[in-house]
């Protein structure tokens, strides 16, 4: 993955570097297809300053960073939507973790679970696969306190599955984007991670060629 962003804004290289690091931390560094990082994955940003528009005030810095972050998130979603055999983007939101790092580890455990990814492909509202994956993250997690939502439908709360219309939830998961929200209810840590489903095509594509 090679991503190049250009701007004609007049912004210092040191500020540009800090903004890129911030934007990437919320986008490309939290997108997962199979978590096999390439040796040449790179994102770079270049500023020519040709417009003469300076990015030096608090307001202009915020506007520039917001735009760069939005662009980076768009790229992250495009990457996972274009994963081998992928049919949908899965947005994993973890809130209420003990800290942000714990939230990211939980989100990655969910995103890297083949069982979860297969359930996403089959539109299966399988709360057990998601909650158990969270428990494997190696950080504080208590299912007796947690709440899980799939496409805004609460399917699990305080250690118990809730009565739901499984067919209706399954239909809602048959979408280009599926939202998975796990609230750990342990603290203020949170993250958003972008991944995709796992289909039969992933195996065919990756088994039928060699590099």
Protein backbone atom coordinates (compact mmCIF):
# COMPACT_ATOMS: atom_id res chain seq x y z
CA UNK A 1 0.00 0.00 0.00
CA UNK A 2 1.54 3.26 -1.16
CA UNK A 3 -0.47 6.42 -0.44
CA UNK A 4 0.66 9.89 -1.49
CA UNK A 5 -1.19 13.04 -0.44
CA UNK A 6 -0.36 16.46 -1.87
CA UNK A 7 -1.45 19.93 -0.87
CA UNK A 8 -0.67 23.45 -2.11
CA UNK A 9 -1.02 24.85 1.41
CA UNK A 10 1.92 26.58 3.05
CA UNK A 11 2.60 24.40 6.07
CA UNK A 12 5.86 23.61 7.81
CA UNK A 13 7.33 20.14 7.47
CA UNK A 14 7.40 19.63 11.25
CA UNK A 15 3.71 20.49 11.61
CA UNK A 16 2.87 18.41 8.54
CA UNK A 17 4.64 15.41 10.05
CA UNK A 18 2.72 15.74 13.33
CA UNK A 19 -0.61 16.06 11.54
CA UNK A 20 0.10 13.05 9.32
CA UNK A 21 0.95 10.93 12.36
CA UNK A 22 -2.29 11.99 14.03
CA UNK A 23 -4.42 11.30 10.94
CA UNK A 24 -2.82 7.92 10.24
CA UNK A 25 -3.33 6.81 13.85
CA UNK A 26 -7.08 7.14 13.31
CA UNK A 27 -7.20 5.60 9.86
CA UNK A 28 -4.55 3.58 8.04
CA UNK A 29 -2.95 2.31 11.25
CA UNK A 30 -6.31 0.96 12.40
CA UNK A 31 -7.44 -0.78 9.22
CA UNK A 32 -7.10 -4.55 9.09
CA UNK A 33 -7.64 -7.04 6.27
CA UNK A 34 -5.60 -9.97 7.55
CA UNK A 35 -3.10 -8.08 9.76
CA UNK A 36 -0.19 -9.17 7.58
CA UNK A 37 1.69 -5.89 7.25
CA UNK A 38 3.64 -5.40 4.04
CA UNK A 39 7.27 -4.37 4.27
CA UNK A 40 6.60 -1.33 2.07
CA UNK A 41 3.29 0.02 3.42
CA UNK A 42 3.78 3.78 3.29
CA UNK A 43 1.79 7.00 3.44
CA UNK A 44 3.50 10.29 2.62
CA UNK A 45 2.31 13.89 2.36
CA UNK A 46 3.90 16.70 0.35
CA UNK A 47 3.14 20.43 0.65
CA UNK A 48 4.19 22.79 -2.15
CA UNK A 49 3.03 26.03 -0.55
CA UNK A 50 2.05 27.23 -4.05
CA UNK A 51 -1.28 28.67 -2.91
CA UNK A 52 0.35 30.91 -0.33
CA UNK A 53 -2.35 29.94 2.16
CA UNK A 54 -0.58 29.53 5.47
CA UNK A 55 -1.54 26.89 8.02
CA UNK A 56 -0.31 28.56 11.16
CA UNK A 57 -3.31 29.68 13.22
CA UNK A 58 -5.24 27.48 15.63
CA UNK A 59 -8.30 27.56 13.36
CA UNK A 60 -6.42 26.78 10.16
CA UNK A 61 -4.50 23.95 11.82
CA UNK A 62 -7.75 22.38 13.01
CA UNK A 63 -9.38 22.67 9.58
CA UNK A 64 -6.34 21.16 7.86
CA UNK A 65 -6.04 18.29 10.35
CA UNK A 66 -9.78 17.54 10.12
CA UNK A 67 -9.58 17.43 6.32
CA UNK A 68 -6.45 15.24 6.36
CA UNK A 69 -8.04 12.87 8.88
CA UNK A 70 -11.25 12.59 6.83
CA UNK A 71 -9.20 11.84 3.71
CA UNK A 72 -7.13 9.23 5.55
CA UNK A 73 -10.24 7.50 6.90
CA UNK A 74 -11.67 7.41 3.37
CA UNK A 75 -8.47 5.74 2.14
CA UNK A 76 -8.58 3.24 5.02
CA UNK A 77 -12.16 2.27 4.17
CA UNK A 78 -11.23 1.90 0.50
CA UNK A 79 -8.35 -0.40 1.42
CA UNK A 80 -10.47 -2.77 3.51
CA UNK A 81 -13.37 -2.69 1.03
CA UNK A 82 -10.86 -3.79 -1.62
CA UNK A 83 -9.49 -6.64 0.52
CA UNK A 84 -9.25 -9.94 -1.33
CA UNK A 85 -12.78 -11.29 -1.65
CA UNK A 86 -14.22 -8.66 0.68
CA UNK A 87 -17.91 -7.83 0.30
CA UNK A 88 -18.32 -5.28 3.08
CA UNK A 89 -16.54 -2.89 5.43
CA UNK A 90 -16.86 -3.71 9.12
CA UNK A 91 -16.46 -0.79 11.50
CA UNK A 92 -15.51 -1.96 14.98
CA UNK A 93 -16.09 0.59 17.73
CA UNK A 94 -14.80 -0.25 21.18
CA UNK A 95 -15.69 2.11 24.01
CA UNK A 96 -15.49 1.94 27.79
CA UNK A 97 -12.16 0.10 27.85
CA UNK A 98 -9.64 0.76 30.61
CA UNK A 99 -7.61 2.94 28.20
CA UNK A 100 -7.22 3.62 24.47
CA UNK A 101 -4.52 0.97 24.03
CA UNK A 102 -6.74 -1.67 25.62
CA UNK A 103 -9.58 -0.60 23.34
CA UNK A 104 -7.39 -1.02 20.27
CA UNK A 105 -6.19 -4.46 21.38
CA UNK A 106 -9.79 -5.58 21.87
CA UNK A 107 -10.79 -4.18 18.48
CA UNK A 108 -7.86 -5.93 16.78
CA UNK A 109 -8.70 -9.24 18.48
CA UNK A 110 -12.23 -8.98 17.08
CA UNK A 111 -11.06 -7.89 13.62
CA UNK A 112 -8.48 -10.69 13.38
CA UNK A 113 -10.88 -13.44 14.42
CA UNK A 114 -11.62 -15.58 11.36
CA UNK A 115 -14.81 -16.74 13.06
CA UNK A 116 -16.00 -13.15 13.43
CA UNK A 117 -15.03 -12.27 9.88
CA UNK A 118 -16.89 -15.31 8.53
CA UNK A 119 -19.94 -14.39 10.59
CA UNK A 120 -19.83 -10.91 9.06
CA UNK A 121 -19.75 -12.46 5.59
CA UNK A 122 -22.73 -14.66 6.42
CA UNK A 123 -24.72 -11.79 8.03
CA UNK A 124 -24.78 -13.82 11.23
CA UNK A 125 -25.49 -11.79 14.42
CA UNK A 126 -23.23 -14.12 16.39
CA UNK A 127 -22.56 -12.19 19.60
CA UNK A 128 -20.61 -15.10 21.13
CA UNK A 129 -17.79 -14.93 18.57
CA UNK A 130 -17.33 -11.21 19.12
CA UNK A 131 -17.48 -11.25 22.92
CA UNK A 132 -15.16 -14.26 23.18
CA UNK A 133 -12.67 -12.59 20.81
CA UNK A 134 -12.66 -9.56 23.09
CA UNK A 135 -11.86 -11.84 26.00
CA UNK A 136 -8.79 -13.14 24.15
CA UNK A 137 -7.23 -9.69 23.75
CA UNK A 138 -5.10 -10.00 26.88
CA UNK A 139 -6.48 -6.84 28.53
CA UNK A 140 -9.11 -6.22 31.18
CA UNK A 141 -12.53 -7.26 29.90
CA UNK A 142 -15.58 -8.46 31.82
CA UNK A 143 -18.49 -9.81 29.76
CA UNK A 144 -20.75 -9.40 32.77
CA UNK A 145 -20.42 -5.64 32.34
CA UNK A 146 -20.20 -5.35 28.57
CA UNK A 147 -22.79 -4.41 25.96
CA UNK A 148 -22.68 -5.29 22.26
CA UNK A 149 -24.59 -3.68 19.41
CA UNK A 150 -24.78 -4.83 15.80
CA UNK A 151 -26.13 -2.23 13.39
CA UNK A 152 -27.53 -0.30 16.41
CA UNK A 153 -29.40 -3.35 17.74
CA UNK A 154 -28.31 -4.41 21.23
CA UNK A 155 -27.71 -8.17 21.09
CA UNK A 156 -25.80 -8.70 24.34
CA UNK A 157 -25.79 -6.96 27.71
CA UNK A 158 -24.33 -7.71 31.15
CA UNK A 159 -23.31 -11.29 30.43
CA UNK A 160 -26.48 -12.34 28.63
CA UNK A 161 -27.77 -12.40 25.06
CA UNK A 162 -30.94 -10.38 24.53
CA UNK A 163 -34.08 -11.54 22.72
CA UNK A 164 -33.84 -10.15 19.20
CA UNK A 165 -35.38 -10.66 15.79
CA UNK A 166 -32.37 -12.53 14.41
CA UNK A 167 -33.67 -12.47 10.85
CA UNK A 168 -34.15 -8.70 10.99
CA UNK A 169 -30.66 -8.10 12.40
CA UNK A 170 -29.20 -10.45 9.80
CA UNK A 171 -30.92 -8.48 7.05
CA UNK A 172 -29.50 -5.24 8.45
CA UNK A 173 -26.01 -6.77 8.32
CA UNK A 174 -26.39 -7.44 4.60
CA UNK A 175 -24.95 -4.02 3.85
CA UNK A 176 -21.81 -2.38 2.46
CA UNK A 177 -20.92 -1.21 5.98
CA UNK A 178 -21.62 -3.06 9.22
CA UNK A 179 -21.24 -1.34 12.56
CA UNK A 180 -20.07 -3.38 15.55
CA UNK A 181 -20.08 -1.49 18.85
CA UNK A 182 -18.71 -3.10 22.00
CA UNK A 183 -19.02 -1.04 25.19
CA UNK A 184 -16.80 -2.60 27.87
CA UNK A 185 -18.08 -0.27 30.62
CA UNK A 186 -14.74 -0.32 32.42
CA UNK A 187 -13.27 3.10 31.69
CA UNK A 188 -12.91 5.86 29.11
CA UNK A 189 -10.70 4.09 26.53
CA UNK A 190 -12.04 3.97 23.00
CA UNK A 191 -11.06 3.33 19.39
CA UNK A 192 -12.50 2.75 15.94
CA UNK A 193 -11.01 0.09 13.67
CA UNK A 194 -11.85 -0.70 10.04
CA UNK A 195 -11.85 -4.25 8.69
CA UNK A 196 -13.71 -6.47 6.24
CA UNK A 197 -15.42 -9.84 6.05
CA UNK A 198 -13.80 -13.12 5.05
CA UNK A 199 -15.22 -14.91 2.02
CA UNK A 200 -14.40 -18.00 -0.03
CA UNK A 201 -12.78 -15.69 -2.56
CA UNK A 202 -10.03 -14.76 -0.10
CA UNK A 203 -8.77 -18.35 -0.08
CA UNK A 204 -9.10 -18.73 -3.86
CA UNK A 205 -7.27 -15.48 -4.61
CA UNK A 206 -4.42 -16.09 -2.17
CA UNK A 207 -4.06 -19.80 -2.96
CA UNK A 208 -4.12 -19.54 -6.74
CA UNK A 209 -1.06 -17.35 -7.24
CA UNK A 210 2.46 -16.95 -5.97
CA UNK A 211 4.57 -13.79 -5.71
